[in-house]
C-alpha atoms as a PDB file:
ATOM      1  CA  MET A   1      17.560 -74.656 -48.918  1.00  0.00           C
ATOM      2  CA  SER A   2      17.477 -71.261 -47.337  1.00  0.00           C
ATOM      3  CA  ARG A   3      19.713 -68.986 -49.371  1.00  0.00           C
ATOM      4  CA  ARG A   4      19.136 -66.234 -46.808  1.00  0.00           C
ATOM      5  CA  GLU A   5      20.482 -68.471 -44.068  1.00  0.00           C
ATOM      6  CA  ALA A   6      23.461 -69.433 -46.250  1.00  0.00           C
ATOM      7  CA  ARG A   7      24.200 -65.771 -46.940  1.00  0.00           C
ATOM      8  CA  GLU A   8      24.028 -64.907 -43.243  1.00  0.00           C
ATOM      9  CA  PHE A   9      26.298 -67.839 -42.393  1.00  0.00           C
ATOM     10  CA  ALA A  10      28.743 -66.809 -45.119  1.00  0.00           C
ATOM     11  CA  LEU A  11      28.825 -63.243 -43.809  1.00  0.00           C
ATOM     12  CA  GLN A  12      29.632 -64.493 -40.325  1.00  0.00           C
ATOM     13  CA  VAL A  13      32.419 -66.748 -41.577  1.00  0.00           C
ATOM     14  CA  LEU A  14      33.873 -64.027 -43.829  1.00  0.00           C
ATOM     15  CA  TYR A  15      33.884 -61.623 -40.899  1.00  0.00           C
ATOM     16  CA  GLN A  16      35.662 -64.221 -38.760  1.00  0.00           C
ATOM     17  CA  ILE A  17      38.281 -64.767 -41.466  1.00  0.00           C
ATOM     18  CA  ASP A  18      38.788 -61.045 -41.961  1.00  0.00           C
ATOM     19  CA  MET A  19      39.159 -60.332 -38.244  1.00  0.00           C
ATOM     20  CA  SER A  20      41.238 -63.345 -37.207  1.00  0.00           C
ATOM     21  CA  GLY A  21      43.236 -64.174 -40.323  1.00  0.00           C
ATOM     22  CA  THR A  22      41.989 -67.761 -40.137  1.00  0.00           C
ATOM     23  CA  GLU A  23      42.110 -69.778 -43.356  1.00  0.00           C
ATOM     24  CA  PRO A  24      38.648 -70.136 -44.953  1.00  0.00           C
ATOM     25  CA  ARG A  25      38.523 -73.948 -44.623  1.00  0.00           C
ATOM     26  CA  LEU A  26      39.473 -73.788 -40.939  1.00  0.00           C
ATOM     27  CA  ALA A  27      36.963 -71.008 -40.293  1.00  0.00           C
ATOM     28  CA  LEU A  28      34.215 -72.991 -42.020  1.00  0.00           C
ATOM     29  CA  GLY A  29      35.124 -76.099 -40.027  1.00  0.00           C
ATOM     30  CA  LEU A  30      34.923 -74.181 -36.756  1.00  0.00           C
ATOM     31  CA  PHE A  31      31.650 -72.596 -37.807  1.00  0.00           C
ATOM     32  CA  TRP A  32      30.009 -75.921 -38.683  1.00  0.00           C
ATOM     33  CA  GLN A  33      31.023 -77.329 -35.297  1.00  0.00           C
ATOM     34  CA  ASN A  34      28.651 -74.795 -33.745  1.00  0.00           C
ATOM     35  CA  PHE A  35      25.841 -74.461 -36.281  1.00  0.00           C
ATOM     36  CA  GLU A  36      23.685 -77.044 -37.996  1.00  0.00           C
ATOM     37  CA  SER A  37      22.116 -76.651 -41.407  1.00  0.00           C
ATOM     38  CA  GLN A  38      20.920 -78.588 -44.400  1.00  0.00           C
ATOM     39  CA  VAL A  39      23.539 -79.929 -46.793  1.00  0.00           C
ATOM     40  CA  ASP A  40      22.563 -77.570 -49.628  1.00  0.00           C
ATOM     41  CA  THR A  41      22.708 -74.572 -47.269  1.00  0.00           C
ATOM     42  CA  ARG A  42      26.204 -75.632 -46.227  1.00  0.00           C
ATOM     43  CA  GLU A  43      27.215 -76.015 -49.857  1.00  0.00           C
ATOM     44  CA  PHE A  44      25.993 -72.531 -50.846  1.00  0.00           C
ATOM     45  CA  THR A  45      27.621 -71.044 -47.734  1.00  0.00           C
ATOM     46  CA  THR A  46      30.922 -72.721 -48.606  1.00  0.00           C
ATOM     47  CA  GLU A  47      30.729 -71.555 -52.239  1.00  0.00           C
ATOM     48  CA  LEU A  48      30.090 -67.973 -51.137  1.00  0.00           C
ATOM     49  CA  VAL A  49      32.905 -68.000 -48.577  1.00  0.00           C
ATOM     50  CA  ASP A  50      35.477 -69.651 -50.843  1.00  0.00           C
ATOM     51  CA  GLY A  51      34.655 -67.572 -53.907  1.00  0.00           C
ATOM     52  CA  THR A  52      34.347 -64.272 -52.073  1.00  0.00           C
ATOM     53  CA  TRP A  53      37.624 -64.772 -50.243  1.00  0.00           C
ATOM     54  CA  LYS A  54      39.546 -65.890 -53.332  1.00  0.00           C
ATOM     55  CA  GLU A  55      38.203 -62.997 -55.430  1.00  0.00           C
ATOM     56  CA  ARG A  56      38.380 -60.290 -52.730  1.00  0.00           C
ATOM     57  CA  GLU A  57      41.000 -58.155 -54.504  1.00  0.00           C
ATOM     58  CA  ARG A  58      38.895 -58.004 -57.661  1.00  0.00           C
ATOM     59  CA  LEU A  59      35.742 -57.450 -55.619  1.00  0.00           C
ATOM     60  CA  ASP A  60      37.409 -54.684 -53.603  1.00  0.00           C
ATOM     61  CA  ARG A  61      38.370 -52.865 -56.818  1.00  0.00           C
ATOM     62  CA  LEU A  62      34.758 -52.932 -58.019  1.00  0.00           C
ATOM     63  CA  ILE A  63      33.502 -51.810 -54.610  1.00  0.00           C
ATOM     64  CA  ALA A  64      36.073 -48.999 -54.413  1.00  0.00           C
ATOM     65  CA  GLU A  65      34.999 -47.699 -57.824  1.00  0.00           C
ATOM     66  CA  ALA A  66      31.326 -47.766 -56.822  1.00  0.00           C
ATOM     67  CA  ALA A  67      31.657 -46.461 -53.241  1.00  0.00           C
ATOM     68  CA  GLU A  68      32.138 -42.764 -53.845  1.00  0.00           C
ATOM     69  CA  HIS A  69      34.035 -40.941 -51.099  1.00  0.00           C
ATOM     70  CA  TRP A  70      34.832 -44.174 -49.232  1.00  0.00           C
ATOM     71  CA  ARG A  71      38.125 -46.010 -49.081  1.00  0.00           C
ATOM     72  CA  ILE A  72      37.938 -49.769 -48.627  1.00  0.00           C
ATOM     73  CA  GLY A  73      40.051 -49.580 -45.476  1.00  0.00           C
ATOM     74  CA  ARG A  74      37.553 -47.239 -43.842  1.00  0.00           C
ATOM     75  CA  LEU A  75      34.482 -49.399 -44.420  1.00  0.00           C
ATOM     76  CA  PRO A  76      33.212 -51.310 -41.388  1.00  0.00           C
ATOM     77  CA  LYS A  77      34.200 -54.977 -41.733  1.00  0.00           C
ATOM     78  CA  VAL A  78      30.646 -56.312 -41.717  1.00  0.00           C
ATOM     79  CA  GLU A  79      29.555 -53.949 -44.493  1.00  0.00           C
ATOM     80  CA  LEU A  80      32.716 -54.643 -46.485  1.00  0.00           C
ATOM     81  CA  ASN A  81      32.206 -58.398 -46.316  1.00  0.00           C
ATOM     82  CA  LEU A  82      28.523 -58.049 -47.169  1.00  0.00           C
ATOM     83  CA  LEU A  83      29.461 -55.945 -50.204  1.00  0.00           C
ATOM     84  CA  ARG A  84      32.147 -58.418 -51.247  1.00  0.00           C
ATOM     85  CA  MET A  85      29.698 -61.275 -51.005  1.00  0.00           C
ATOM     86  CA  GLY A  86      27.012 -59.356 -52.934  1.00  0.00           C
ATOM     87  CA  VAL A  87      29.416 -58.430 -55.728  1.00  0.00           C
ATOM     88  CA  TYR A  88      30.706 -62.000 -55.874  1.00  0.00           C
ATOM     89  CA  GLU A  89      27.147 -63.270 -56.183  1.00  0.00           C
ATOM     90  CA  LEU A  90      26.358 -60.740 -58.939  1.00  0.00           C
ATOM     91  CA  LEU A  91      29.414 -61.907 -60.879  1.00  0.00           C
ATOM     92  CA  SER A  92      29.218 -65.642 -60.263  1.00  0.00           C
ATOM     93  CA  TYR A  93      25.552 -66.621 -60.116  1.00  0.00           C
ATOM     94  CA  PRO A  94      23.804 -65.572 -63.344  1.00  0.00           C
ATOM     95  CA  GLN A  95      20.858 -67.792 -62.433  1.00  0.00           C
ATOM     96  CA  ILE A  96      20.077 -65.557 -59.426  1.00  0.00           C
ATOM     97  CA  ASN A  97      18.285 -62.360 -60.381  1.00  0.00           C
ATOM     98  CA  PRO A  98      20.523 -59.396 -59.506  1.00  0.00           C
ATOM     99  CA  GLY A  99      17.583 -57.653 -57.827  1.00  0.00           C
ATOM    100  CA  VAL A 100      17.233 -60.616 -55.485  1.00  0.00           C
ATOM    101  CA  THR A 101      20.938 -60.512 -54.647  1.00  0.00           C
ATOM    102  CA  ILE A 102      20.783 -56.795 -53.873  1.00  0.00           C
ATOM    103  CA  ASN A 103      17.566 -57.061 -51.857  1.00  0.00           C
ATOM    104  CA  GLU A 104      18.984 -59.930 -49.823  1.00  0.00           C
ATOM    105  CA  ALA A 105      22.106 -57.879 -49.042  1.00  0.00           C
ATOM    106  CA  ILE A 106      19.923 -54.957 -47.950  1.00  0.00           C
ATOM    107  CA  GLU A 107      17.865 -57.176 -45.641  1.00  0.00           C
ATOM    108  CA  ILE A 108      20.980 -58.730 -44.116  1.00  0.00           C
ATOM    109  CA  ALA A 109      22.425 -55.232 -43.618  1.00  0.00           C
ATOM    110  CA  ARG A 110      19.276 -54.321 -41.665  1.00  0.00           C
ATOM    111  CA  LEU A 111      20.030 -57.201 -39.293  1.00  0.00           C
ATOM    112  CA  TYR A 112      23.794 -56.851 -38.864  1.00  0.00           C
ATOM    113  CA  CYS A 113      24.738 -53.248 -39.657  1.00  0.00           C
ATOM    114  CA  GLY A 114      24.013 -49.666 -38.684  1.00  0.00           C
ATOM    115  CA  ASP A 115      20.973 -47.668 -39.731  1.00  0.00           C
ATOM    116  CA  GLU A 116      22.574 -46.114 -42.801  1.00  0.00           C
ATOM    117  CA  ALA A 117      24.133 -49.338 -44.092  1.00  0.00           C
ATOM    118  CA  PRO A 118      21.131 -50.668 -46.066  1.00  0.00           C
ATOM    119  CA  THR A 119      21.018 -47.515 -48.208  1.00  0.00           C
ATOM    120  CA  PHE A 120      24.791 -47.576 -48.692  1.00  0.00           C
ATOM    121  CA  ILE A 121      24.793 -51.300 -49.575  1.00  0.00           C
ATOM    122  CA  ASN A 122      21.957 -50.724 -52.054  1.00  0.00           C
ATOM    123  CA  GLY A 123      23.761 -47.843 -53.731  1.00  0.00           C
ATOM    124  CA  VAL A 124      27.092 -49.622 -54.069  1.00  0.00           C
ATOM    125  CA  LEU A 125      25.636 -52.920 -55.303  1.00  0.00           C
ATOM    126  CA  ASP A 126      23.367 -51.080 -57.730  1.00  0.00           C
ATOM    127  CA  ARG A 127      26.386 -49.222 -59.178  1.00  0.00           C
ATOM    128  CA  VAL A 128      28.389 -52.433 -59.443  1.00  0.00           C
ATOM    129  CA  ALA A 129      25.449 -54.122 -61.187  1.00  0.00           C
ATOM    130  CA  ALA A 130      25.443 -51.277 -63.718  1.00  0.00           C
ATOM    131  CA  VAL A 131      29.204 -51.552 -64.295  1.00  0.00           C
ATOM    132  CA  ILE A 132      29.102 -55.300 -64.892  1.00  0.00           C
ATOM    133  CA  GLY A 133      26.019 -55.114 -67.111  1.00  0.00           C
ATOM    134  CA  LYS A 134      23.430 -56.444 -64.676  1.00  0.00           C
ATOM    135  CA  LYS A 135      21.580 -53.135 -64.173  1.00  0.00           C
ATOM    136  CA  ALA A 136      18.820 -53.897 -66.686  1.00  0.00           C
ATOM    137  CA  GLN A 137      18.007 -57.157 -64.909  1.00  0.00           C
ATOM    138  CA  THR A 138      17.956 -55.356 -61.558  1.00  0.00           C
ATOM    139  CA  ASP A 139      15.546 -52.710 -62.874  1.00  0.00           C
ATOM    140  CA  GLU A 140      13.272 -55.376 -64.379  1.00  0.00           C
ATOM    141  CA  SER A 141      12.974 -57.149 -61.012  1.00  0.00           C
ATOM    142  CA  LYS A 142      11.735 -53.932 -59.342  1.00  0.00           C
ATOM    143  CA  GLN A 143       8.776 -53.618 -61.714  1.00  0.00           C
END
C-alpha cells in the first residue's frame, strides 16, 4: 500500500466535499470511478476521509488554537483539509510515528499548495502534536 497515495487521494476527496457539499460516501464513489488503486490504499483513503470529515469540528478547534493569527475561515481550502487530515491522523493512528505524519503533510503541501504552505503546515501540526502529547515522538523521529 502507498500511504502517500492514499493521503493525496483523501486530500482530493476532502477538498471536493468541502467545495461542493457532497456527502463523503458519494464523493468517494465518484472519485473511485475515475481513479484506480489497490484495495488497502482505498481502505486507508476511505478511513482518512470518513474520520476527518466526521471529526472536522474537533480538528478545526485544535487547528485554530495552533494556527496563531489565522482564522479557520481564512485558510485556503487545500491547506485546511491537509491540516485536518494531519491532525486526524495524529489523533487516530498511534501506530504511525507522528514525525512521519507531519513529514508526509509537508511533502503533500509542496505538491498542492503555495510556497509558504509547507512551513505553515509544519508549524501547525508540530504545535498540535505538542498539545496532544505527541511532541516527544515527533522529536525522536527527527534524530
